[in-house]
């Protein structure tokens, strides 16, 4: 007979941190709002001030709260949270190489959300969703095909933006700062439409990134980003 074991209880500081993080995600304290004091948290959780202080320090290091000496703890502005996700704008990446970025918009319209798309964005099936398909070029060479769906509740003015002048990433991080992002990265052949737009063969290996972002539990956007493998490189640097 299998013996069920209960999960180990959270340490006191983690219980405090978990509570505050959950309530922040639910929107209980909007950005810039004063949060419970250390004394209030000590009393609520029957823990020491040192325990509460550790929880708040960790939340501050994650960019979720701002602590002002002599004033208290405040919910962080969401753009501060977004910056820590390091979602880079392709225009900025290309410019950093000293190259010219250009975007060609091939699709820009409102559609009805399919069941799968509605599930991904937390919308009702058949609800209105914005859809764009844009090819980004680096010095005139197609570098990325961006197929993106956007929740109108998060960015109602999305279809009115000139995406040959600014990118969807740049616009969305201004009007709908990201709280959380989910990625899936794989090597995959392009669809027939993606191959046509990128000017590549159907059998050419591509780096495909599917990225979904949300804010306070509400889906913002779902994007499929396709890069020809021969034209794109992911680089990084690590130093222990």
Foldseek 3Di string as FASTA:
>chain_A
DDDDDDDDDDPLLVVLLVVVVLCVLQVVAAFFRADDALVVSCVVSVHDSVSPVVSLVVCVVQQQWDADPPPHIGGHHLLSNLVVVVPDDVCVVLVVVVWHKFKDWDDWDKFFADPVRCVLQVHDGGDIKIWTWMFMDTNNATFKTKTKIFDCVQPVCVSVDDCRVPPPVVVSCVRHNFNDKDKDWDWDFDDPVVCVVNVHDRPFIWIWMWMWTDGSPGTGMTMIMIGGPVRDDDDDDDDD
